[in-house]
Amino acid sequence: MHVGFISKIGSTELLLILVVALLVFGPSKLPQIGSAIGKGIRELKKASRDITEQMEAALEDESGEEKKS
């Protein structure tokens, strides 16, 4: 899975996001927030991968049934 909007963020935008996050949440909360965001992204990628695998398996099963007929 490729998250398109993340690849378009430049260094200036990333720095601005980090500064705003620092001002909003404070320095003590940033590691917790970063960890939660990372965990969420990992879970999203895993769910996307699982769905893709299920769809591919269903397509393979369907094409196998058509060949038998």
PDB file of N, CA and C in Angstrom:
ATOM      1  N   MET A   1       0.843  -1.177   0.000  1.00  0.00           N
ATOM      2  CA  MET A   1       0.000   0.000   0.000  1.00  0.00           C
ATOM      3  C   MET A   1       0.883   1.233   0.000  1.00  0.00           C
ATOM      4  N   HIS A   2       0.496   2.193  -0.803  1.00  0.00           N
ATOM      5  CA  HIS A   2       1.257   3.428  -0.873  1.00  0.00           C
ATOM      6  C   HIS A   2       0.349   4.581  -0.496  1.00  0.00           C
ATOM      7  N   VAL A   3       0.756   5.313   0.493  1.00  0.00           N
ATOM      8  CA  VAL A   3      -0.038   6.454   0.929  1.00  0.00           C
ATOM      9  C   VAL A   3       0.488   7.663   0.181  1.00  0.00           C
ATOM     10  N   GLY A   4      -0.246   8.114  -0.829  1.00  0.00           N
ATOM     11  CA  GLY A   4       0.210   9.135  -1.759  1.00  0.00           C
ATOM     12  C   GLY A   4       0.492  10.483  -1.139  1.00  0.00           C
ATOM     13  N   PHE A   5      -0.366  10.949  -0.266  1.00  0.00           N
ATOM     14  CA  PHE A   5      -0.178  12.292   0.265  1.00  0.00           C
ATOM     15  C   PHE A   5       1.063  12.404   1.137  1.00  0.00           C
ATOM     16  N   ILE A   6       1.498  11.326   1.761  1.00  0.00           N
ATOM     17  CA  ILE A   6       2.684  11.379   2.615  1.00  0.00           C
ATOM     18  C   ILE A   6       3.936  11.580   1.775  1.00  0.00           C
ATOM     19  N   SER A   7       3.987  10.991   0.595  1.00  0.00           N
ATOM     20  CA  SER A   7       5.173  11.123  -0.249  1.00  0.00           C
ATOM     21  C   SER A   7       5.318  12.536  -0.791  1.00  0.00           C
ATOM     22  N   LYS A   8       4.268  13.341  -0.758  1.00  0.00           N
ATOM     23  CA  LYS A   8       4.315  14.703  -1.284  1.00  0.00           C
ATOM     24  C   LYS A   8       4.676  15.735  -0.223  1.00  0.00           C
ATOM     25  N   ILE A   9       4.870  15.303   1.010  1.00  0.00           N
ATOM     26  CA  ILE A   9       5.231  16.227   2.081  1.00  0.00           C
ATOM     27  C   ILE A   9       6.734  16.471   2.020  1.00  0.00           C
ATOM     28  N   GLY A  10       7.104  17.734   1.892  1.00  0.00           N
ATOM     29  CA  GLY A  10       8.510  18.102   1.847  1.00  0.00           C
ATOM     30  C   GLY A  10       9.065  18.339   3.239  1.00  0.00           C
ATOM     31  N   SER A  11      10.354  18.650   3.288  1.00  0.00           N
ATOM     32  CA  SER A  11      11.000  18.854   4.586  1.00  0.00           C
ATOM     33  C   SER A  11      10.448  20.085   5.306  1.00  0.00           C
ATOM     34  N   THR A  12      10.121  21.126   4.555  1.00  0.00           N
ATOM     35  CA  THR A  12       9.571  22.335   5.175  1.00  0.00           C
ATOM     36  C   THR A  12       8.211  22.051   5.801  1.00  0.00           C
ATOM     37  N   GLU A  13       7.364  21.323   5.066  1.00  0.00           N
ATOM     38  CA  GLU A  13       6.042  20.997   5.592  1.00  0.00           C
ATOM     39  C   GLU A  13       6.142  20.095   6.815  1.00  0.00           C
ATOM     40  N   LEU A  14       7.053  19.133   6.755  1.00  0.00           N
ATOM     41  CA  LEU A  14       7.243  18.223   7.882  1.00  0.00           C
ATOM     42  C   LEU A  14       7.715  18.985   9.119  1.00  0.00           C
ATOM     43  N   LEU A  15       8.635  19.901   8.933  1.00  0.00           N
ATOM     44  CA  LEU A  15       9.124  20.712  10.046  1.00  0.00           C
ATOM     45  C   LEU A  15       7.992  21.555  10.635  1.00  0.00           C
ATOM     46  N   LEU A  16       7.173  22.134   9.785  1.00  0.00           N
ATOM     47  CA  LEU A  16       6.046  22.936  10.253  1.00  0.00           C
ATOM     48  C   LEU A  16       5.057  22.085  11.048  1.00  0.00           C
ATOM     49  N   ILE A  17       4.773  20.884  10.561  1.00  0.00           N
ATOM     50  CA  ILE A  17       3.869  19.972  11.275  1.00  0.00           C
ATOM     51  C   ILE A  17       4.434  19.625  12.648  1.00  0.00           C
ATOM     52  N   LEU A  18       5.733  19.357  12.715  1.00  0.00           N
ATOM     53  CA  LEU A  18       6.358  19.014  13.996  1.00  0.00           C
ATOM     54  C   LEU A  18       6.321  20.182  14.976  1.00  0.00           C
ATOM     55  N   VAL A  19       6.558  21.392  14.477  1.00  0.00           N
ATOM     56  CA  VAL A  19       6.520  22.573  15.350  1.00  0.00           C
ATOM     57  C   VAL A  19       5.106  22.787  15.888  1.00  0.00           C
ATOM     58  N   VAL A  20       4.107  22.675  15.028  1.00  0.00           N
ATOM     59  CA  VAL A  20       2.718  22.847  15.468  1.00  0.00           C
ATOM     60  C   VAL A  20       2.352  21.771  16.489  1.00  0.00           C
ATOM     61  N   ALA A  21       2.758  20.529  16.221  1.00  0.00           N
ATOM     62  CA  ALA A  21       2.475  19.443  17.164  1.00  0.00           C
ATOM     63  C   ALA A  21       3.149  19.706  18.508  1.00  0.00           C
ATOM     64  N   LEU A  22       4.365  20.212  18.468  1.00  0.00           N
ATOM     65  CA  LEU A  22       5.082  20.528  19.701  1.00  0.00           C
ATOM     66  C   LEU A  22       4.347  21.611  20.485  1.00  0.00           C
ATOM     67  N   LEU A  23       3.864  22.622  19.791  1.00  0.00           N
ATOM     68  CA  LEU A  23       3.142  23.703  20.464  1.00  0.00           C
ATOM     69  C   LEU A  23       1.792  23.238  21.016  1.00  0.00           C
ATOM     70  N   VAL A  24       1.108  22.383  20.280  1.00  0.00           N
ATOM     71  CA  VAL A  24      -0.228  21.945  20.691  1.00  0.00           C
ATOM     72  C   VAL A  24      -0.164  20.929  21.822  1.00  0.00           C
ATOM     73  N   PHE A  25       0.697  19.925  21.674  1.00  0.00           N
ATOM     74  CA  PHE A  25       0.702  18.811  22.620  1.00  0.00           C
ATOM     75  C   PHE A  25       1.781  18.907  23.691  1.00  0.00           C
ATOM     76  N   GLY A  26       2.803  19.681  23.471  1.00  0.00           N
ATOM     77  CA  GLY A  26       3.896  19.776  24.427  1.00  0.00           C
ATOM     78  C   GLY A  26       4.906  18.664  24.220  1.00  0.00           C
ATOM     79  N   PRO A  27       6.123  18.879  24.688  1.00  0.00           N
ATOM     80  CA  PRO A  27       7.198  17.912  24.430  1.00  0.00           C
ATOM     81  C   PRO A  27       7.015  16.565  25.125  1.00  0.00           C
ATOM     82  N   SER A  28       6.290  16.526  26.222  1.00  0.00           N
ATOM     83  CA  SER A  28       6.150  15.256  26.948  1.00  0.00           C
ATOM     84  C   SER A  28       5.191  14.291  26.254  1.00  0.00           C
ATOM     85  N   LYS A  29       4.249  14.810  25.480  1.00  0.00           N
ATOM     86  CA  LYS A  29       3.248  13.961  24.820  1.00  0.00           C
ATOM     87  C   LYS A  29       3.682  13.489  23.430  1.00  0.00           C
ATOM     88  N   LEU A  30       4.667  14.139  22.811  1.00  0.00           N
ATOM     89  CA  LEU A  30       5.036  13.799  21.434  1.00  0.00           C
ATOM     90  C   LEU A  30       5.462  12.344  21.246  1.00  0.00           C
ATOM     91  N   PRO A  31       6.279  11.761  22.126  1.00  0.00           N
ATOM     92  CA  PRO A  31       6.637  10.350  21.923  1.00  0.00           C
ATOM     93  C   PRO A  31       5.426   9.416  21.959  1.00  0.00           C
ATOM     94  N   GLN A  32       4.490   9.684  22.858  1.00  0.00           N
ATOM     95  CA  GLN A  32       3.278   8.861  22.943  1.00  0.00           C
ATOM     96  C   GLN A  32       2.438   9.004  21.679  1.00  0.00           C
ATOM     97  N   ILE A  33       2.305  10.216  21.195  1.00  0.00           N
ATOM     98  CA  ILE A  33       1.514  10.464  19.989  1.00  0.00           C
ATOM     99  C   ILE A  33       2.181   9.822  18.780  1.00  0.00           C
ATOM    100  N   GLY A  34       3.495   9.961  18.674  1.00  0.00           N
ATOM    101  CA  GLY A  34       4.225   9.335  17.569  1.00  0.00           C
ATOM    102  C   GLY A  34       4.077   7.829  17.578  1.00  0.00           C
ATOM    103  N   SER A  35       4.140   7.247  18.746  1.00  0.00           N
ATOM    104  CA  SER A  35       3.971   5.800  18.876  1.00  0.00           C
ATOM    105  C   SER A  35       2.571   5.374  18.461  1.00  0.00           C
ATOM    106  N   ALA A  36       1.574   6.120  18.893  1.00  0.00           N
ATOM    107  CA  ALA A  36       0.186   5.793  18.540  1.00  0.00           C
ATOM    108  C   ALA A  36      -0.048   5.929  17.038  1.00  0.00           C
ATOM    109  N   ILE A  37       0.512   6.957  16.431  1.00  0.00           N
ATOM    110  CA  ILE A  37       0.365   7.143  14.985  1.00  0.00           C
ATOM    111  C   ILE A  37       1.060   6.016  14.237  1.00  0.00           C
ATOM    112  N   GLY A  38       2.260   5.657  14.669  1.00  0.00           N
ATOM    113  CA  GLY A  38       2.984   4.549  14.035  1.00  0.00           C
ATOM    114  C   GLY A  38       2.222   3.241  14.134  1.00  0.00           C
ATOM    115  N   LYS A  39       1.651   2.978  15.296  1.00  0.00           N
ATOM    116  CA  LYS A  39       0.865   1.755  15.486  1.00  0.00           C
ATOM    117  C   LYS A  39      -0.360   1.765  14.580  1.00  0.00           C
ATOM    118  N   GLY A  40      -1.012   2.900  14.480  1.00  0.00           N
ATOM    119  CA  GLY A  40      -2.184   3.020  13.608  1.00  0.00           C
ATOM    120  C   GLY A  40      -1.843   2.785  12.147  1.00  0.00           C
ATOM    121  N   ILE A  41      -0.725   3.323  11.698  1.00  0.00           N
ATOM    122  CA  ILE A  41      -0.296   3.128  10.312  1.00  0.00           C
ATOM    123  C   ILE A  41       0.029   1.666  10.059  1.00  0.00           C
ATOM    124  N   ARG A  42       0.714   1.016  11.011  1.00  0.00           N
ATOM    125  CA  ARG A  42       1.025  -0.415  10.851  1.00  0.00           C
ATOM    126  C   ARG A  42      -0.248  -1.249  10.758  1.00  0.00           C
ATOM    127  N   GLU A  43      -1.226  -0.955  11.610  1.00  0.00           N
ATOM    128  CA  GLU A  43      -2.490  -1.698  11.585  1.00  0.00           C
ATOM    129  C   GLU A  43      -3.239  -1.463  10.276  1.00  0.00           C
ATOM    130  N   LEU A  44      -3.210  -0.235   9.781  1.00  0.00           N
ATOM    131  CA  LEU A  44      -3.862   0.084   8.515  1.00  0.00           C
ATOM    132  C   LEU A  44      -3.208  -0.669   7.358  1.00  0.00           C
ATOM    133  N   LYS A  45      -1.879  -0.705   7.337  1.00  0.00           N
ATOM    134  CA  LYS A  45      -1.168  -1.439   6.287  1.00  0.00           C
ATOM    135  C   LYS A  45      -1.474  -2.927   6.355  1.00  0.00           C
ATOM    136  N   LYS A  46      -1.527  -3.474   7.576  1.00  0.00           N
ATOM    137  CA  LYS A  46      -1.817  -4.902   7.730  1.00  0.00           C
ATOM    138  C   LYS A  46      -3.226  -5.216   7.254  1.00  0.00           C
ATOM    139  N   ALA A  47      -4.182  -4.380   7.621  1.00  0.00           N
ATOM    140  CA  ALA A  47      -5.566  -4.602   7.188  1.00  0.00           C
ATOM    141  C   ALA A  47      -5.678  -4.512   5.674  1.00  0.00           C
ATOM    142  N   SER A  48      -4.992  -3.556   5.088  1.00  0.00           N
ATOM    143  CA  SER A  48      -5.008  -3.412   3.634  1.00  0.00           C
ATOM    144  C   SER A  48      -4.391  -4.630   2.962  1.00  0.00           C
ATOM    145  N   ARG A  49      -3.293  -5.111   3.504  1.00  0.00           N
ATOM    146  CA  ARG A  49      -2.621  -6.296   2.955  1.00  0.00           C
ATOM    147  C   ARG A  49      -3.523  -7.526   3.080  1.00  0.00           C
ATOM    148  N   ASP A  50      -4.192  -7.673   4.218  1.00  0.00           N
ATOM    149  CA  ASP A  50      -5.104  -8.807   4.423  1.00  0.00           C
ATOM    150  C   ASP A  50      -6.260  -8.777   3.424  1.00  0.00           C
ATOM    151  N   ILE A  51      -6.831  -7.606   3.218  1.00  0.00           N
ATOM    152  CA  ILE A  51      -7.940  -7.480   2.267  1.00  0.00           C
ATOM    153  C   ILE A  51      -7.471  -7.808   0.858  1.00  0.00           C
ATOM    154  N   THR A  52      -6.295  -7.317   0.488  1.00  0.00           N
ATOM    155  CA  THR A  52      -5.750  -7.600  -0.838  1.00  0.00           C
ATOM    156  C   THR A  52      -5.533  -9.094  -1.024  1.00  0.00           C
ATOM    157  N   GLU A  53      -4.975  -9.753  -0.016  1.00  0.00           N
ATOM    158  CA  GLU A  53      -4.742 -11.197  -0.103  1.00  0.00           C
ATOM    159  C   GLU A  53      -6.058 -11.962  -0.224  1.00  0.00           C
ATOM    160  N   GLN A  54      -7.071 -11.546   0.517  1.00  0.00           N
ATOM    161  CA  GLN A  54      -8.374 -12.210   0.440  1.00  0.00           C
ATOM    162  C   GLN A  54      -8.999 -12.035  -0.941  1.00  0.00           C
ATOM    163  N   MET A  55      -8.881 -10.838  -1.494  1.00  0.00           N
ATOM    164  CA  MET A  55      -9.439 -10.592  -2.824  1.00  0.00           C
ATOM    165  C   MET A  55      -8.702 -11.401  -3.885  1.00  0.00           C
ATOM    166  N   GLU A  56      -7.377 -11.473  -3.782  1.00  0.00           N
ATOM    167  CA  GLU A  56      -6.600 -12.256  -4.741  1.00  0.00           C
ATOM    168  C   GLU A  56      -6.946 -13.735  -4.639  1.00  0.00           C
ATOM    169  N   ALA A  57      -7.117 -14.227  -3.419  1.00  0.00           N
ATOM    170  CA  ALA A  57      -7.477 -15.632  -3.235  1.00  0.00           C
ATOM    171  C   ALA A  57      -8.858 -15.911  -3.821  1.00  0.00           C
ATOM    172  N   ALA A  58      -9.791 -14.994  -3.623  1.00  0.00           N
ATOM    173  CA  ALA A  58     -11.139 -15.173  -4.174  1.00  0.00           C
ATOM    174  C   ALA A  58     -11.104 -15.167  -5.698  1.00  0.00           C
ATOM    175  N   LEU A  59     -10.287 -14.299  -6.277  1.00  0.00           N
ATOM    176  CA  LEU A  59     -10.168 -14.254  -7.735  1.00  0.00           C
ATOM    177  C   LEU A  59      -9.531 -15.530  -8.274  1.00  0.00           C
ATOM    178  N   GLU A  60      -8.537 -16.047  -7.564  1.00  0.00           N
ATOM    179  CA  GLU A  60      -7.899 -17.296  -7.986  1.00  0.00           C
ATOM    180  C   GLU A  60      -8.889 -18.452  -7.913  1.00  0.00           C
ATOM    181  N   ASP A  61      -9.681 -18.504  -6.841  1.00  0.00           N
ATOM    182  CA  ASP A  61     -10.695 -19.554  -6.704  1.00  0.00           C
ATOM    183  C   ASP A  61     -11.718 -19.458  -7.832  1.00  0.00           C
ATOM    184  N   GLU A  62     -12.130 -18.242  -8.125  1.00  0.00           N
ATOM    185  CA  GLU A  62     -13.130 -18.034  -9.167  1.00  0.00           C
ATOM    186  C   GLU A  62     -12.586 -18.421 -10.540  1.00  0.00           C
ATOM    187  N   SER A  63     -11.343 -18.069 -10.824  1.00  0.00           N
ATOM    188  CA  SER A  63     -10.768 -18.416 -12.123  1.00  0.00           C
ATOM    189  C   SER A  63     -10.524 -19.920 -12.215  1.00  0.00           C
ATOM    190  N   GLY A  64     -10.242 -20.578 -11.101  1.00  0.00           N
ATOM    191  CA  GLY A  64     -10.071 -22.029 -11.087  1.00  0.00           C
ATOM    192  C   GLY A  64     -11.376 -22.748 -11.362  1.00  0.00           C
ATOM    193  N   GLU A  65     -12.475 -22.216 -10.845  1.00  0.00           N
ATOM    194  CA  GLU A  65     -13.791 -22.814 -11.084  1.00  0.00           C
ATOM    195  C   GLU A  65     -14.204 -22.652 -12.542  1.00  0.00           C
ATOM    196  N   GLU A  66     -13.841 -21.535 -13.159  1.00  0.00           N
ATOM    197  CA  GLU A  66     -14.188 -21.313 -14.561  1.00  0.00           C
ATOM    198  C   GLU A  66     -13.442 -22.279 -15.469  1.00  0.00           C
ATOM    199  N   LYS A  67     -12.209 -22.607 -15.124  1.00  0.00           N
ATOM    200  CA  LYS A  67     -11.415 -23.527 -15.935  1.00  0.00           C
ATOM    201  C   LYS A  67     -11.981 -24.940 -15.869  1.00  0.00           C
ATOM    202  N   LYS A  68     -12.550 -25.318 -14.719  1.00  0.00           N
ATOM    203  CA  LYS A  68     -13.121 -26.658 -14.554  1.00  0.00           C
ATOM    204  C   LYS A  68     -14.395 -26.812 -15.383  1.00  0.00           C
ATOM    205  N   SER A  69     -15.133 -25.747 -15.562  1.00  0.00           N
ATOM    206  CA  SER A  69     -16.421 -25.803 -16.280  1.00  0.00           C
ATOM    207  C   SER A  69     -16.241 -25.958 -17.761  1.00  0.00           C
TER     208      SER A  69
END
